Amino acid sequence: VQLVESGGGLVQPGGSLRLSCAASGFTASSSIMTWYRQAPGKERELVATITSFGDSTNYADSVKGRFTISRDNAKNTVYLQMNSLKPQDTAVYYCYAVRLRYWGQGTQVTVSS
């Protein structure tokens, strides 16, 4: 089983990034998938959740209206589109397969001018 995040980087406030989480070793459609983030000195927090077939999503209040979680089960991949980024969005972003209780390695997102 492997989850590999990509798409992080340095972006200016107000900018956008699209994170990807590529799953292998299991069928992604068998699991609710989530994105978490962890900023320095803070606990890991849940950012967004998507059901197995993408029919329902949920977001933390802090990202609602700015972030969109989606999935392409044919590609075994989950995405997090992040718009209107703020400095407080700076964190390591992780994807998590709920059914397998399995974490990816994380990708760094830094929002700074």
C-alpha atoms as a PDB file:
ATOM      1  CA  VAL A   1       0.000   0.000   0.000  1.00  0.00           C
ATOM      2  CA  GLN A   2       1.299   3.439  -0.897  1.00  0.00           C
ATOM      3  CA  LEU A   3      -0.043   6.986  -0.907  1.00  0.00           C
ATOM      4  CA  VAL A   4       2.139   9.560  -2.640  1.00  0.00           C
ATOM      5  CA  GLU A   5       1.312  13.243  -2.356  1.00  0.00           C
ATOM      6  CA  SER A   6       2.583  15.825  -4.808  1.00  0.00           C
ATOM      7  CA  GLY A   7       1.899  19.368  -5.923  1.00  0.00           C
ATOM      8  CA  GLY A   8       3.089  21.303  -2.897  1.00  0.00           C
ATOM      9  CA  GLY A   9       5.406  24.280  -3.090  1.00  0.00           C
ATOM     10  CA  LEU A  10       5.838  27.965  -2.415  1.00  0.00           C
ATOM     11  CA  VAL A  11       3.015  30.280  -3.464  1.00  0.00           C
ATOM     12  CA  GLN A  12       2.141  33.905  -2.798  1.00  0.00           C
ATOM     13  CA  PRO A  13      -0.926  34.849  -0.754  1.00  0.00           C
ATOM     14  CA  GLY A  14      -4.007  34.710  -2.941  1.00  0.00           C
ATOM     15  CA  GLY A  15      -2.463  32.072  -5.169  1.00  0.00           C
ATOM     16  CA  SER A  16      -3.545  28.513  -5.924  1.00  0.00           C
ATOM     17  CA  LEU A  17      -2.115  25.025  -5.739  1.00  0.00           C
ATOM     18  CA  ARG A  18      -3.474  21.607  -6.627  1.00  0.00           C
ATOM     19  CA  LEU A  19      -2.334  18.692  -4.503  1.00  0.00           C
ATOM     20  CA  SER A  20      -2.547  15.112  -5.725  1.00  0.00           C
ATOM     21  CA  CYS A  21      -2.550  11.868  -3.770  1.00  0.00           C
ATOM     22  CA  ALA A  22      -1.819   8.814  -5.886  1.00  0.00           C
ATOM     23  CA  ALA A  23      -2.809   5.500  -4.325  1.00  0.00           C
ATOM     24  CA  SER A  24      -1.330   2.127  -5.146  1.00  0.00           C
ATOM     25  CA  GLY A  25      -1.664  -1.320  -3.677  1.00  0.00           C
ATOM     26  CA  PHE A  26      -5.363  -0.910  -3.011  1.00  0.00           C
ATOM     27  CA  THR A  27      -8.470   0.319  -4.784  1.00  0.00           C
ATOM     28  CA  ALA A  28      -8.974   3.928  -3.741  1.00  0.00           C
ATOM     29  CA  SER A  29     -12.723   3.713  -4.356  1.00  0.00           C
ATOM     30  CA  SER A  30     -12.946   1.265  -1.441  1.00  0.00           C
ATOM     31  CA  SER A  31     -12.114   4.002   1.066  1.00  0.00           C
ATOM     32  CA  ILE A  32     -13.211   7.389   2.252  1.00  0.00           C
ATOM     33  CA  MET A  33     -10.226   9.642   1.636  1.00  0.00           C
ATOM     34  CA  THR A  34      -9.184  12.691   3.580  1.00  0.00           C
ATOM     35  CA  TRP A  35      -6.644  15.488   3.550  1.00  0.00           C
ATOM     36  CA  TYR A  36      -5.042  16.628   6.783  1.00  0.00           C
ATOM     37  CA  ARG A  37      -2.467  19.300   7.448  1.00  0.00           C
ATOM     38  CA  GLN A  38       0.034  20.014  10.190  1.00  0.00           C
ATOM     39  CA  ALA A  39       1.629  23.384  10.751  1.00  0.00           C
ATOM     40  CA  PRO A  40       4.827  23.764  12.820  1.00  0.00           C
ATOM     41  CA  GLY A  41       4.075  23.470  16.524  1.00  0.00           C
ATOM     42  CA  LYS A  42       0.429  22.565  15.923  1.00  0.00           C
ATOM     43  CA  GLU A  43      -1.605  19.381  15.941  1.00  0.00           C
ATOM     44  CA  ARG A  44      -2.572  17.676  12.725  1.00  0.00           C
ATOM     45  CA  GLU A  45      -5.995  18.881  11.619  1.00  0.00           C
ATOM     46  CA  LEU A  46      -8.604  17.504   9.248  1.00  0.00           C
ATOM     47  CA  VAL A  47      -9.007  19.685   6.167  1.00  0.00           C
ATOM     48  CA  ALA A  48     -11.359  17.818   3.827  1.00  0.00           C
ATOM     49  CA  THR A  49     -13.120  14.484   3.382  1.00  0.00           C
ATOM     50  CA  ILE A  50     -14.597  12.764   0.345  1.00  0.00           C
ATOM     51  CA  THR A  51     -16.701   9.615   0.269  1.00  0.00           C
ATOM     52  CA  SER A  52     -15.712   6.548  -1.742  1.00  0.00           C
ATOM     53  CA  PHE A  53     -17.502   7.608  -4.906  1.00  0.00           C
ATOM     54  CA  GLY A  54     -17.226  11.344  -4.409  1.00  0.00           C
ATOM     55  CA  ASP A  55     -20.901  11.932  -3.752  1.00  0.00           C
ATOM     56  CA  SER A  56     -20.293  13.801  -0.508  1.00  0.00           C
ATOM     57  CA  THR A  57     -17.576  16.119   0.763  1.00  0.00           C
ATOM     58  CA  ASN A  58     -16.868  17.972   3.985  1.00  0.00           C
ATOM     59  CA  TYR A  59     -14.477  20.763   4.865  1.00  0.00           C
ATOM     60  CA  ALA A  60     -12.976  22.445   7.864  1.00  0.00           C
ATOM     61  CA  ASP A  61     -14.494  25.869   8.441  1.00  0.00           C
ATOM     62  CA  SER A  62     -11.100  27.466   7.877  1.00  0.00           C
ATOM     63  CA  VAL A  63     -10.948  26.287   4.237  1.00  0.00           C
ATOM     64  CA  LYS A  64     -14.627  26.166   3.270  1.00  0.00           C
ATOM     65  CA  GLY A  65     -15.245  28.051   0.039  1.00  0.00           C
ATOM     66  CA  ARG A  66     -11.545  28.075  -0.856  1.00  0.00           C
ATOM     67  CA  PHE A  67     -10.545  24.392  -1.048  1.00  0.00           C
ATOM     68  CA  THR A  68     -12.149  21.623  -3.097  1.00  0.00           C
ATOM     69  CA  ILE A  69     -11.528  17.913  -2.629  1.00  0.00           C
ATOM     70  CA  SER A  70     -12.194  15.570  -5.534  1.00  0.00           C
ATOM     71  CA  ARG A  71     -11.237  12.114  -6.719  1.00  0.00           C
ATOM     72  CA  ASP A  72     -10.716  10.194  -9.932  1.00  0.00           C
ATOM     73  CA  ASN A  73     -11.177   6.548  -9.046  1.00  0.00           C
ATOM     74  CA  ALA A  74     -10.140   5.471 -12.524  1.00  0.00           C
ATOM     75  CA  LYS A  75      -6.734   6.994 -11.776  1.00  0.00           C
ATOM     76  CA  ASN A  76      -6.758   5.944  -8.106  1.00  0.00           C
ATOM     77  CA  THR A  77      -6.053   9.574  -7.245  1.00  0.00           C
ATOM     78  CA  VAL A  78      -7.485  12.156  -4.853  1.00  0.00           C
ATOM     79  CA  TYR A  79      -6.996  15.890  -5.315  1.00  0.00           C
ATOM     80  CA  LEU A  80      -7.131  19.026  -3.215  1.00  0.00           C
ATOM     81  CA  GLN A  81      -7.599  22.242  -5.153  1.00  0.00           C
ATOM     82  CA  MET A  82      -6.560  25.156  -2.954  1.00  0.00           C
ATOM     83  CA  ASN A  83      -7.486  28.694  -3.988  1.00  0.00           C
ATOM     84  CA  SER A  84      -7.143  32.084  -2.293  1.00  0.00           C
ATOM     85  CA  LEU A  85      -4.313  30.719  -0.203  1.00  0.00           C
ATOM     86  CA  LYS A  86      -3.379  32.484   3.019  1.00  0.00           C
ATOM     87  CA  PRO A  87      -0.165  32.422   5.069  1.00  0.00           C
ATOM     88  CA  GLN A  88      -2.029  30.435   7.742  1.00  0.00           C
ATOM     89  CA  ASP A  89      -2.515  27.634   5.197  1.00  0.00           C
ATOM     90  CA  THR A  90       1.224  26.947   5.419  1.00  0.00           C
ATOM     91  CA  ALA A  91       1.648  23.342   6.569  1.00  0.00           C
ATOM     92  CA  VAL A  92       2.587  19.846   5.533  1.00  0.00           C
ATOM     93  CA  TYR A  93      -0.428  18.316   3.819  1.00  0.00           C
ATOM     94  CA  TYR A  94      -1.130  14.595   4.155  1.00  0.00           C
ATOM     95  CA  CYS A  95      -3.657  12.320   2.549  1.00  0.00           C
ATOM     96  CA  TYR A  96      -5.161   9.521   4.616  1.00  0.00           C
ATOM     97  CA  ALA A  97      -7.058   6.409   3.572  1.00  0.00           C
ATOM     98  CA  VAL A  98      -9.658   5.951   6.290  1.00  0.00           C
ATOM     99  CA  ARG A  99     -10.460   2.282   5.737  1.00  0.00           C
ATOM    100  CA  LEU A 100      -6.786   1.288   5.699  1.00  0.00           C
ATOM    101  CA  ARG A 101      -5.721   3.798   8.370  1.00  0.00           C
ATOM    102  CA  TYR A 102      -2.787   4.637   6.119  1.00  0.00           C
ATOM    103  CA  TRP A 103      -0.956   7.949   5.716  1.00  0.00           C
ATOM    104  CA  GLY A 104       1.011   9.397   2.874  1.00  0.00           C
ATOM    105  CA  GLN A 105       4.411  10.988   3.455  1.00  0.00           C
ATOM    106  CA  GLY A 106       3.140  14.551   3.109  1.00  0.00           C
ATOM    107  CA  THR A 107       3.860  17.507   0.854  1.00  0.00           C
ATOM    108  CA  GLN A 108       4.923  20.957   2.037  1.00  0.00           C
ATOM    109  CA  VAL A 109       2.780  23.978   1.206  1.00  0.00           C
ATOM    110  CA  THR A 110       4.229  27.397   2.004  1.00  0.00           C
ATOM    111  CA  VAL A 111       2.211  30.569   1.470  1.00  0.00           C
ATOM    112  CA  SER A 112       4.431  33.617   1.684  1.00  0.00           C
ATOM    113  CA  SER A 113       5.257  36.810  -0.160  1.00  0.00           C
END
